[in-house]
Structure formats: structure tokens, C-alpha cells
């Protein structure tokens, strides 16, 4: 799909130079940049959703389970 966007001249020039250096078209460069941006923001959405799910849960370990786990660890000499 073709689209028109407005960006500052200095950003355009940097993108043009990078595309030339990477030997890819500007379209490929902008496509990859948007993919990275979308992926990064998607991760934040997932994190925010997980934070919401766990915001009211108790994060303290169960004392009996913790003691059982500790009791089976071998003693180490430091």
C-alpha cells in the first residue's frame, strides 16, 4: 500500500543515508522501523495486561512449600 507521510528533513536525510548504507529501499527501511515500533509497543500492552491480572494477587511464597523446598537442598560448604 502506498502512503504519504510528513517527517522532518533531518530524519528523512538520516533514513535516506541508512537505507543507502544497508542497501535497501526507503520503503523497506520504514516498514522495518514500523514493525519494530509495533512489536515494542505490543510487548508493553502484554505487560500492562499481565500487571492488571496479577495486581491483586499475593506474591509471597507459601511458607510450607518454601520450607519443603529448602529442606531438600543439599548443604553446601562455603
N, C-alpha and C. Protein backbone atom coordinates (compact mmCIF):
# COMPACT_ATOMS: atom_id res chain seq x y z
N UNK A 1 0.85 -1.17 0.00
CA UNK A 1 0.00 0.00 0.00
C UNK A 1 0.89 1.23 0.00
N UNK A 2 0.54 2.18 -0.80
CA UNK A 2 1.29 3.43 -0.83
C UNK A 2 0.65 4.40 0.14
N UNK A 3 1.51 5.18 0.79
CA UNK A 3 1.02 6.20 1.70
C UNK A 3 1.98 7.39 1.67
N UNK A 4 1.48 8.53 2.06
CA UNK A 4 2.33 9.72 2.13
C UNK A 4 2.41 10.15 3.59
N UNK A 5 3.62 10.44 4.05
CA UNK A 5 3.81 10.91 5.41
C UNK A 5 4.70 12.14 5.40
N UNK A 6 4.60 12.92 6.45
CA UNK A 6 5.47 14.08 6.61
C UNK A 6 6.41 13.83 7.77
N UNK A 7 7.70 13.99 7.51
CA UNK A 7 8.69 13.84 8.56
C UNK A 7 9.69 14.99 8.45
N UNK A 8 10.34 15.31 9.55
CA UNK A 8 11.34 16.39 9.50
C UNK A 8 12.46 16.05 8.52
N UNK A 9 13.00 17.09 7.89
CA UNK A 9 14.07 16.91 6.89
C UNK A 9 15.25 16.12 7.43
N UNK A 10 15.68 16.43 8.67
CA UNK A 10 16.86 15.74 9.21
C UNK A 10 16.59 14.25 9.42
N UNK A 11 15.37 13.89 9.79
CA UNK A 11 15.02 12.48 9.96
C UNK A 11 15.01 11.80 8.59
N UNK A 12 14.46 12.48 7.60
CA UNK A 12 14.45 11.92 6.25
C UNK A 12 15.87 11.68 5.75
N UNK A 13 16.73 12.65 5.95
CA UNK A 13 18.11 12.52 5.48
C UNK A 13 18.83 11.37 6.17
N UNK A 14 18.61 11.23 7.47
CA UNK A 14 19.23 10.12 8.20
C UNK A 14 18.69 8.78 7.70
N UNK A 15 17.39 8.73 7.45
CA UNK A 15 16.78 7.49 6.93
C UNK A 15 17.32 7.18 5.54
N UNK A 16 17.43 8.20 4.72
CA UNK A 16 17.97 8.02 3.37
C UNK A 16 19.39 7.47 3.43
N UNK A 17 20.21 8.04 4.30
CA UNK A 17 21.60 7.57 4.44
C UNK A 17 21.67 6.14 4.95
N UNK A 18 20.84 5.83 5.92
CA UNK A 18 20.84 4.47 6.46
C UNK A 18 20.37 3.46 5.42
N UNK A 19 19.33 3.79 4.69
CA UNK A 19 18.82 2.90 3.65
C UNK A 19 19.91 2.64 2.61
N UNK A 20 20.62 3.69 2.23
CA UNK A 20 21.71 3.54 1.26
C UNK A 20 22.80 2.64 1.83
N UNK A 21 23.15 2.88 3.10
CA UNK A 21 24.20 2.08 3.75
C UNK A 21 23.80 0.60 3.83
N UNK A 22 22.53 0.35 4.15
CA UNK A 22 22.04 -1.03 4.27
C UNK A 22 21.68 -1.65 2.93
N UNK A 23 21.72 -0.82 1.88
CA UNK A 23 21.39 -1.26 0.53
C UNK A 23 19.96 -1.80 0.46
N UNK A 24 19.05 -1.04 1.06
CA UNK A 24 17.63 -1.35 0.98
C UNK A 24 16.89 -0.07 0.58
N UNK A 25 15.67 -0.24 0.15
CA UNK A 25 14.88 0.94 -0.23
C UNK A 25 14.38 1.67 1.02
N UNK A 26 14.02 2.94 0.82
CA UNK A 26 13.42 3.68 1.94
C UNK A 26 12.16 2.98 2.42
N UNK A 27 11.39 2.45 1.49
CA UNK A 27 10.16 1.75 1.88
C UNK A 27 10.46 0.57 2.80
N UNK A 28 11.49 -0.19 2.46
CA UNK A 28 11.88 -1.32 3.32
C UNK A 28 12.33 -0.83 4.69
N UNK A 29 13.11 0.25 4.70
CA UNK A 29 13.59 0.79 5.97
C UNK A 29 12.44 1.24 6.85
N UNK A 30 11.51 2.00 6.27
CA UNK A 30 10.38 2.48 7.06
C UNK A 30 9.48 1.33 7.50
N UNK A 31 9.30 0.33 6.65
CA UNK A 31 8.50 -0.84 7.01
C UNK A 31 9.11 -1.56 8.21
N UNK A 32 10.42 -1.79 8.15
CA UNK A 32 11.10 -2.48 9.27
C UNK A 32 11.04 -1.64 10.54
N UNK A 33 11.21 -0.33 10.41
CA UNK A 33 11.15 0.54 11.59
C UNK A 33 9.78 0.50 12.23
N UNK A 34 8.73 0.52 11.44
CA UNK A 34 7.37 0.46 11.99
C UNK A 34 7.12 -0.90 12.63
N UNK A 35 7.62 -1.97 12.02
CA UNK A 35 7.47 -3.31 12.62
C UNK A 35 8.10 -3.36 14.01
N UNK A 36 9.30 -2.81 14.13
CA UNK A 36 10.00 -2.80 15.42
C UNK A 36 9.19 -1.99 16.43
N UNK A 37 8.72 -0.84 16.02
CA UNK A 37 7.94 0.04 16.90
C UNK A 37 6.66 -0.67 17.36
N UNK A 38 5.98 -1.33 16.44
CA UNK A 38 4.75 -2.05 16.80
C UNK A 38 5.03 -3.21 17.75
N UNK A 39 6.11 -3.92 17.50
CA UNK A 39 6.47 -5.05 18.36
C UNK A 39 6.78 -4.56 19.78
N UNK A 40 7.54 -3.48 19.88
CA UNK A 40 7.88 -2.94 21.20
C UNK A 40 6.65 -2.49 21.95
N UNK A 41 5.73 -1.87 21.27
CA UNK A 41 4.52 -1.39 21.92
C UNK A 41 3.57 -2.52 22.25
N UNK A 42 3.59 -3.58 21.47
CA UNK A 42 2.77 -4.74 21.76
C UNK A 42 3.23 -5.39 23.07
N UNK A 43 4.54 -5.47 23.25
CA UNK A 43 5.08 -6.05 24.48
C UNK A 43 4.60 -5.25 25.69
N UNK A 44 4.59 -3.94 25.57
CA UNK A 44 4.11 -3.11 26.68
C UNK A 44 2.64 -3.40 26.96
N UNK A 45 1.84 -3.61 25.90
CA UNK A 45 0.43 -3.93 26.09
C UNK A 45 0.28 -5.25 26.85
N UNK A 46 1.07 -6.24 26.47
CA UNK A 46 1.02 -7.55 27.14
C UNK A 46 1.43 -7.39 28.59
N UNK A 47 2.49 -6.66 28.85
CA UNK A 47 2.96 -6.43 30.21
C UNK A 47 1.89 -5.73 31.03
N UNK A 48 1.26 -4.73 30.47
CA UNK A 48 0.21 -3.99 31.18
C UNK A 48 -0.96 -4.92 31.51
N UNK A 49 -1.30 -5.79 30.57
CA UNK A 49 -2.40 -6.73 30.82
C UNK A 49 -2.02 -7.72 31.92
N UNK A 50 -0.80 -8.21 31.89
CA UNK A 50 -0.36 -9.14 32.93
C UNK A 50 -0.30 -8.44 34.29
N UNK A 51 0.17 -7.21 34.31
CA UNK A 51 0.18 -6.45 35.57
C UNK A 51 -1.23 -6.34 36.13
N UNK A 52 -2.19 -6.09 35.26
CA UNK A 52 -3.59 -5.97 35.70
C UNK A 52 -4.08 -7.29 36.29
N UNK A 53 -3.74 -8.40 35.64
CA UNK A 53 -4.18 -9.72 36.11
C UNK A 53 -3.62 -10.00 37.50
N UNK A 54 -2.35 -9.66 37.72
CA UNK A 54 -1.68 -10.02 38.96
C UNK A 54 -1.64 -8.93 40.01
N UNK A 55 -2.28 -7.79 39.76
CA UNK A 55 -2.16 -6.67 40.70
C UNK A 55 -2.73 -6.97 42.08
N UNK A 56 -3.69 -7.87 42.17
CA UNK A 56 -4.30 -8.16 43.46
C UNK A 56 -3.89 -9.51 44.04
N UNK A 57 -2.92 -10.15 43.40
CA UNK A 57 -2.52 -11.46 43.90
C UNK A 57 -1.40 -11.32 44.93
N UNK A 58 -1.34 -12.28 45.81
CA UNK A 58 -0.33 -12.30 46.86
C UNK A 58 0.94 -12.92 46.28
N UNK A 59 2.02 -12.18 46.33
CA UNK A 59 3.26 -12.69 45.73
C UNK A 59 4.18 -13.36 46.75
N UNK A 60 3.74 -13.45 47.99
CA UNK A 60 4.56 -14.13 48.99
C UNK A 60 4.51 -15.63 48.76
N UNK A 61 5.65 -16.31 48.86
CA UNK A 61 5.64 -17.77 48.68
C UNK A 61 4.93 -18.44 49.86
N UNK A 62 4.33 -19.56 49.57
CA UNK A 62 3.69 -20.35 50.62
C UNK A 62 4.78 -20.86 51.56
N UNK A 63 4.62 -20.59 52.86
CA UNK A 63 5.66 -20.92 53.85
C UNK A 63 5.96 -22.41 53.88
N UNK A 64 4.94 -23.26 53.85
CA UNK A 64 5.16 -24.71 53.90
C UNK A 64 5.91 -25.20 52.66
N UNK A 65 5.52 -24.68 51.50
CA UNK A 65 6.18 -25.07 50.27
C UNK A 65 7.63 -24.60 50.27
N UNK A 66 7.87 -23.38 50.72
CA UNK A 66 9.22 -22.86 50.79
C UNK A 66 10.09 -23.70 51.71
N UNK A 67 9.58 -24.04 52.88
CA UNK A 67 10.33 -24.88 53.82
C UNK A 67 10.62 -26.26 53.25
N UNK A 68 9.66 -26.83 52.53
CA UNK A 68 9.86 -28.14 51.91
C UNK A 68 10.97 -28.06 50.85
N UNK A 69 10.95 -26.99 50.07
CA UNK A 69 11.98 -26.83 49.04
C UNK A 69 13.36 -26.67 49.66
N UNK A 70 13.44 -25.87 50.70
CA UNK A 70 14.72 -25.64 51.37
C UNK A 70 15.24 -26.92 52.00
N UNK A 71 14.33 -27.72 52.55
CA UNK A 71 14.76 -28.93 53.26
C UNK A 71 15.38 -29.97 52.33
N UNK A 72 15.06 -29.94 51.05
CA UNK A 72 15.62 -30.96 50.15
C UNK A 72 16.91 -30.49 49.47
N UNK A 73 17.30 -29.24 49.69
CA UNK A 73 18.55 -28.76 49.11
C UNK A 73 19.73 -29.34 49.89
N UNK A 74 20.76 -29.77 49.17
CA UNK A 74 21.93 -30.29 49.88
C UNK A 74 22.66 -29.14 50.59
N UNK A 75 23.27 -29.48 51.72
CA UNK A 75 24.04 -28.49 52.43
C UNK A 75 25.36 -28.27 51.70
N UNK A 76 25.71 -27.04 51.53
CA UNK A 76 26.96 -26.70 50.84
C UNK A 76 27.92 -26.05 51.79
N UNK A 77 29.19 -26.39 51.64
CA UNK A 77 30.22 -25.74 52.46
C UNK A 77 30.77 -24.59 51.65
N UNK A 78 30.80 -23.44 52.26
CA UNK A 78 31.32 -22.25 51.58
C UNK A 78 32.67 -22.02 52.09
